[in-house]
């Protein structure tokens, strides 16, 4: 996991688009390409920026796969460092959605 602090993680999760990305990744069992999230209605460059913020905060992990970058939720790392945080954020966002 990228070395971050709780403030960076919470700041990354505070944006509605990034939270939607995290929710989408949490619902999947397989890694997802960035383009999978085009339904969020933001430009590809904006989507790329959101993935970068999440990656730098240690919320997601990205692996190159050919010409794509596949993303997964860094659940194990987040749960180890901040137990219960991710589940709390996802539960709270599901209530608001």
N, C-alpha and C. Protein backbone atom coordinates (compact mmCIF):
# COMPACT_ATOMS: atom_id res chain seq x y z
N UNK A 1 0.84 -1.18 0.00
CA UNK A 1 0.00 0.00 0.00
C UNK A 1 0.88 1.24 0.00
N UNK A 2 0.43 2.23 -0.71
CA UNK A 2 1.11 3.51 -0.72
C UNK A 2 1.04 4.07 0.70
N UNK A 3 2.13 4.65 1.19
CA UNK A 3 2.14 5.22 2.54
C UNK A 3 1.36 6.53 2.56
N UNK A 4 0.21 6.51 3.21
CA UNK A 4 -0.65 7.69 3.31
C UNK A 4 -1.13 7.82 4.75
N UNK A 5 -1.79 8.92 5.01
CA UNK A 5 -2.39 9.09 6.32
C UNK A 5 -3.91 9.13 6.16
N UNK A 6 -4.59 9.09 7.28
CA UNK A 6 -6.05 9.03 7.26
C UNK A 6 -6.67 10.24 6.57
N UNK A 7 -6.08 11.40 6.73
CA UNK A 7 -6.60 12.61 6.10
C UNK A 7 -6.59 12.47 4.58
N UNK A 8 -5.52 11.91 4.02
CA UNK A 8 -5.44 11.72 2.57
C UNK A 8 -6.49 10.73 2.08
N UNK A 9 -6.68 9.66 2.83
CA UNK A 9 -7.68 8.66 2.45
C UNK A 9 -9.07 9.27 2.48
N UNK A 10 -9.40 9.97 3.56
CA UNK A 10 -10.72 10.59 3.67
C UNK A 10 -10.94 11.66 2.60
N UNK A 11 -9.91 12.42 2.29
CA UNK A 11 -10.03 13.44 1.25
C UNK A 11 -10.30 12.79 -0.11
N UNK A 12 -9.65 11.67 -0.37
CA UNK A 12 -9.87 10.96 -1.63
C UNK A 12 -11.29 10.42 -1.70
N UNK A 13 -11.81 9.96 -0.58
CA UNK A 13 -13.15 9.38 -0.55
C UNK A 13 -14.26 10.43 -0.49
N UNK A 14 -13.90 11.68 -0.26
CA UNK A 14 -14.90 12.74 -0.09
C UNK A 14 -15.56 13.18 -1.40
N UNK A 15 -14.90 12.95 -2.51
CA UNK A 15 -15.45 13.37 -3.80
C UNK A 15 -16.51 12.36 -4.27
N UNK A 16 -17.67 12.83 -4.73
CA UNK A 16 -18.74 11.91 -5.15
C UNK A 16 -18.34 10.98 -6.30
N UNK A 17 -17.56 11.46 -7.26
CA UNK A 17 -17.15 10.61 -8.37
C UNK A 17 -16.19 9.53 -7.86
N UNK A 18 -15.24 9.91 -7.03
CA UNK A 18 -14.29 8.92 -6.50
C UNK A 18 -15.01 7.91 -5.60
N UNK A 19 -15.98 8.37 -4.85
CA UNK A 19 -16.75 7.45 -4.01
C UNK A 19 -17.54 6.47 -4.88
N UNK A 20 -18.06 6.93 -6.00
CA UNK A 20 -18.78 6.05 -6.92
C UNK A 20 -17.82 5.02 -7.52
N UNK A 21 -16.61 5.42 -7.82
CA UNK A 21 -15.60 4.48 -8.32
C UNK A 21 -15.32 3.41 -7.27
N UNK A 22 -15.13 3.84 -6.02
CA UNK A 22 -14.85 2.89 -4.94
C UNK A 22 -16.02 1.94 -4.74
N UNK A 23 -17.24 2.47 -4.77
CA UNK A 23 -18.42 1.60 -4.66
C UNK A 23 -18.45 0.59 -5.80
N UNK A 24 -18.16 1.05 -7.01
CA UNK A 24 -18.14 0.15 -8.16
C UNK A 24 -17.10 -0.94 -8.03
N UNK A 25 -15.92 -0.58 -7.56
CA UNK A 25 -14.87 -1.58 -7.37
C UNK A 25 -15.22 -2.54 -6.24
N UNK A 26 -15.87 -2.05 -5.21
CA UNK A 26 -16.24 -2.89 -4.07
C UNK A 26 -17.27 -3.94 -4.48
N UNK A 27 -18.07 -3.64 -5.48
CA UNK A 27 -19.11 -4.57 -5.94
C UNK A 27 -18.58 -5.63 -6.88
N UNK A 28 -17.35 -5.46 -7.36
CA UNK A 28 -16.77 -6.39 -8.33
C UNK A 28 -15.78 -7.35 -7.68
N UNK A 29 -15.69 -8.53 -8.22
CA UNK A 29 -14.70 -9.49 -7.73
C UNK A 29 -13.44 -9.47 -8.59
N UNK A 30 -13.53 -8.89 -9.77
CA UNK A 30 -12.38 -8.83 -10.68
C UNK A 30 -11.94 -7.39 -10.87
N UNK A 31 -10.68 -7.22 -11.27
CA UNK A 31 -10.13 -5.89 -11.54
C UNK A 31 -10.90 -5.26 -12.69
N UNK A 32 -11.02 -3.93 -12.64
CA UNK A 32 -11.79 -3.19 -13.63
C UNK A 32 -10.91 -2.16 -14.32
N UNK A 33 -11.09 -2.02 -15.63
CA UNK A 33 -10.40 -0.98 -16.39
C UNK A 33 -11.07 0.36 -16.12
N UNK A 34 -10.30 1.43 -16.26
CA UNK A 34 -10.84 2.78 -16.03
C UNK A 34 -12.06 3.06 -16.91
N UNK A 35 -12.01 2.59 -18.15
CA UNK A 35 -13.10 2.83 -19.08
C UNK A 35 -14.42 2.21 -18.65
N UNK A 36 -14.37 1.25 -17.76
CA UNK A 36 -15.58 0.62 -17.24
C UNK A 36 -16.47 1.62 -16.53
N UNK A 37 -15.88 2.72 -16.08
CA UNK A 37 -16.61 3.71 -15.29
C UNK A 37 -17.06 4.91 -16.12
N UNK A 38 -17.14 4.74 -17.44
CA UNK A 38 -17.57 5.85 -18.30
C UNK A 38 -19.00 6.27 -18.01
N UNK A 39 -19.79 5.40 -17.39
CA UNK A 39 -21.17 5.72 -17.04
C UNK A 39 -21.27 6.86 -16.00
N UNK A 40 -20.16 7.21 -15.39
CA UNK A 40 -20.18 8.28 -14.39
C UNK A 40 -20.35 9.66 -15.01
N UNK A 41 -20.20 9.74 -16.33
CA UNK A 41 -20.49 10.99 -17.03
C UNK A 41 -19.42 12.06 -16.94
N UNK A 42 -18.18 11.67 -16.70
CA UNK A 42 -17.09 12.64 -16.71
C UNK A 42 -16.16 12.30 -17.87
N UNK A 43 -15.37 13.27 -18.29
CA UNK A 43 -14.47 13.05 -19.42
C UNK A 43 -13.41 12.02 -19.05
N UNK A 44 -12.82 11.37 -20.04
CA UNK A 44 -11.76 10.40 -19.76
C UNK A 44 -10.59 10.99 -18.96
N UNK A 45 -10.22 12.24 -19.24
CA UNK A 45 -9.11 12.84 -18.51
C UNK A 45 -9.49 13.10 -17.05
N UNK A 46 -10.73 13.49 -16.82
CA UNK A 46 -11.20 13.70 -15.45
C UNK A 46 -11.28 12.37 -14.71
N UNK A 47 -11.75 11.35 -15.37
CA UNK A 47 -11.81 10.02 -14.78
C UNK A 47 -10.42 9.54 -14.41
N UNK A 48 -9.46 9.76 -15.32
CA UNK A 48 -8.07 9.40 -15.06
C UNK A 48 -7.53 10.12 -13.82
N UNK A 49 -7.88 11.39 -13.69
CA UNK A 49 -7.45 12.16 -12.52
C UNK A 49 -8.02 11.56 -11.24
N UNK A 50 -9.28 11.17 -11.25
CA UNK A 50 -9.89 10.59 -10.06
C UNK A 50 -9.21 9.27 -9.68
N UNK A 51 -8.89 8.46 -10.67
CA UNK A 51 -8.18 7.21 -10.39
C UNK A 51 -6.81 7.49 -9.80
N UNK A 52 -6.14 8.52 -10.30
CA UNK A 52 -4.82 8.88 -9.78
C UNK A 52 -4.91 9.29 -8.31
N UNK A 53 -5.89 10.10 -7.97
CA UNK A 53 -6.07 10.53 -6.57
C UNK A 53 -6.31 9.32 -5.68
N UNK A 54 -7.18 8.41 -6.11
CA UNK A 54 -7.45 7.21 -5.32
C UNK A 54 -6.21 6.34 -5.17
N UNK A 55 -5.46 6.21 -6.24
CA UNK A 55 -4.23 5.40 -6.21
C UNK A 55 -3.20 6.01 -5.28
N UNK A 56 -3.00 7.33 -5.37
CA UNK A 56 -2.00 7.99 -4.53
C UNK A 56 -2.39 7.99 -3.05
N UNK A 57 -3.70 7.91 -2.78
CA UNK A 57 -4.16 7.84 -1.39
C UNK A 57 -4.12 6.41 -0.86
N UNK A 58 -3.82 5.44 -1.74
CA UNK A 58 -3.76 4.05 -1.30
C UNK A 58 -5.11 3.37 -1.22
N UNK A 59 -6.12 3.96 -1.86
CA UNK A 59 -7.46 3.39 -1.82
C UNK A 59 -7.63 2.30 -2.87
N UNK A 60 -6.95 2.46 -4.00
CA UNK A 60 -7.01 1.44 -5.05
C UNK A 60 -5.59 1.04 -5.44
N UNK A 61 -5.52 -0.11 -6.08
CA UNK A 61 -4.26 -0.60 -6.64
C UNK A 61 -4.47 -0.76 -8.14
N UNK A 62 -3.47 -0.40 -8.92
CA UNK A 62 -3.57 -0.44 -10.37
C UNK A 62 -2.44 -1.29 -10.94
N UNK A 63 -2.80 -2.19 -11.84
CA UNK A 63 -1.82 -3.05 -12.50
C UNK A 63 -1.95 -2.89 -14.01
N UNK A 64 -0.84 -2.75 -14.70
CA UNK A 64 -0.92 -2.70 -16.16
C UNK A 64 -1.29 -4.07 -16.73
N UNK A 65 -2.12 -4.06 -17.75
CA UNK A 65 -2.52 -5.29 -18.43
C UNK A 65 -2.66 -4.94 -19.91
N UNK A 66 -1.61 -5.19 -20.67
CA UNK A 66 -1.60 -4.78 -22.07
C UNK A 66 -1.67 -3.27 -22.16
N UNK A 67 -2.66 -2.78 -22.89
CA UNK A 67 -2.84 -1.33 -23.04
C UNK A 67 -3.77 -0.77 -21.97
N UNK A 68 -4.24 -1.61 -21.10
CA UNK A 68 -5.17 -1.16 -20.06
C UNK A 68 -4.48 -1.10 -18.71
N UNK A 69 -5.13 -0.41 -17.80
CA UNK A 69 -4.71 -0.39 -16.40
C UNK A 69 -5.90 -0.93 -15.61
N UNK A 70 -5.70 -2.06 -14.95
CA UNK A 70 -6.78 -2.67 -14.21
C UNK A 70 -6.71 -2.26 -12.74
N UNK A 71 -7.84 -1.94 -12.19
CA UNK A 71 -7.93 -1.39 -10.84
C UNK A 71 -8.70 -2.31 -9.91
N UNK A 72 -8.21 -2.40 -8.69
CA UNK A 72 -8.89 -3.12 -7.64
C UNK A 72 -8.89 -2.26 -6.39
N UNK A 73 -9.85 -2.51 -5.55
CA UNK A 73 -9.92 -1.83 -4.27
C UNK A 73 -8.84 -2.40 -3.37
N UNK A 74 -8.09 -1.55 -2.69
CA UNK A 74 -7.02 -2.00 -1.79
C UNK A 74 -7.62 -2.32 -0.42
N UNK A 75 -8.62 -3.16 -0.42
CA UNK A 75 -9.38 -3.46 0.78
C UNK A 75 -8.52 -4.03 1.90
N UNK A 76 -7.69 -5.00 1.61
CA UNK A 76 -6.88 -5.62 2.65
C UNK A 76 -5.95 -4.60 3.31
N UNK A 77 -5.31 -3.78 2.51
CA UNK A 77 -4.40 -2.77 3.04
C UNK A 77 -5.14 -1.74 3.87
N UNK A 78 -6.27 -1.28 3.36
CA UNK A 78 -7.06 -0.28 4.09
C UNK A 78 -7.61 -0.86 5.39
N UNK A 79 -8.10 -2.10 5.33
CA UNK A 79 -8.65 -2.72 6.53
C UNK A 79 -7.57 -2.96 7.58
N UNK A 80 -6.36 -3.26 7.14
CA UNK A 80 -5.27 -3.47 8.09
C UNK A 80 -4.86 -2.17 8.77
N UNK A 81 -4.82 -1.11 7.99
CA UNK A 81 -4.36 0.18 8.53
C UNK A 81 -5.47 0.95 9.25
N UNK A 82 -6.69 0.87 8.70
CA UNK A 82 -7.83 1.60 9.25
C UNK A 82 -9.02 0.65 9.36
N UNK A 83 -9.02 -0.23 10.36
CA UNK A 83 -10.08 -1.25 10.47
C UNK A 83 -11.48 -0.62 10.50
N UNK A 84 -12.34 -1.14 9.63
CA UNK A 84 -13.73 -0.71 9.60
C UNK A 84 -14.00 0.55 8.81
N UNK A 85 -12.98 1.28 8.42
CA UNK A 85 -13.19 2.55 7.72
C UNK A 85 -13.91 2.36 6.39
N UNK A 86 -13.41 1.48 5.57
CA UNK A 86 -13.98 1.29 4.24
C UNK A 86 -15.42 0.81 4.33
N UNK A 87 -15.69 -0.15 5.20
CA UNK A 87 -17.07 -0.63 5.36
C UNK A 87 -17.98 0.49 5.84
N UNK A 88 -17.50 1.32 6.75
CA UNK A 88 -18.31 2.44 7.25
C UNK A 88 -18.61 3.44 6.14
N UNK A 89 -17.60 3.79 5.35
CA UNK A 89 -17.79 4.74 4.26
C UNK A 89 -18.75 4.18 3.22
N UNK A 90 -18.57 2.92 2.86
CA UNK A 90 -19.45 2.30 1.86
C UNK A 90 -20.87 2.18 2.38
N UNK A 91 -21.05 1.85 3.63
CA UNK A 91 -22.39 1.74 4.22
C UNK A 91 -23.06 3.10 4.25
N UNK A 92 -22.34 4.12 4.65
CA UNK A 92 -22.90 5.47 4.72
C UNK A 92 -23.26 5.98 3.34
N UNK A 93 -22.42 5.70 2.36
CA UNK A 93 -22.71 6.19 1.00
C UNK A 93 -23.87 5.43 0.38
N UNK A 94 -24.08 4.17 0.76
CA UNK A 94 -25.21 3.40 0.23
C UNK A 94 -26.53 3.96 0.75
N UNK A 95 -26.53 4.44 1.97
CA UNK A 95 -27.74 5.03 2.56
C UNK A 95 -28.11 6.31 1.83
N UNK A 96 -27.09 7.12 1.48
CA UNK A 96 -27.33 8.39 0.80
C UNK A 96 -27.69 8.21 -0.67
N UNK A 97 -27.22 7.11 -1.29
CA UNK A 97 -27.42 6.92 -2.74
C UNK A 97 -28.84 6.66 -3.13
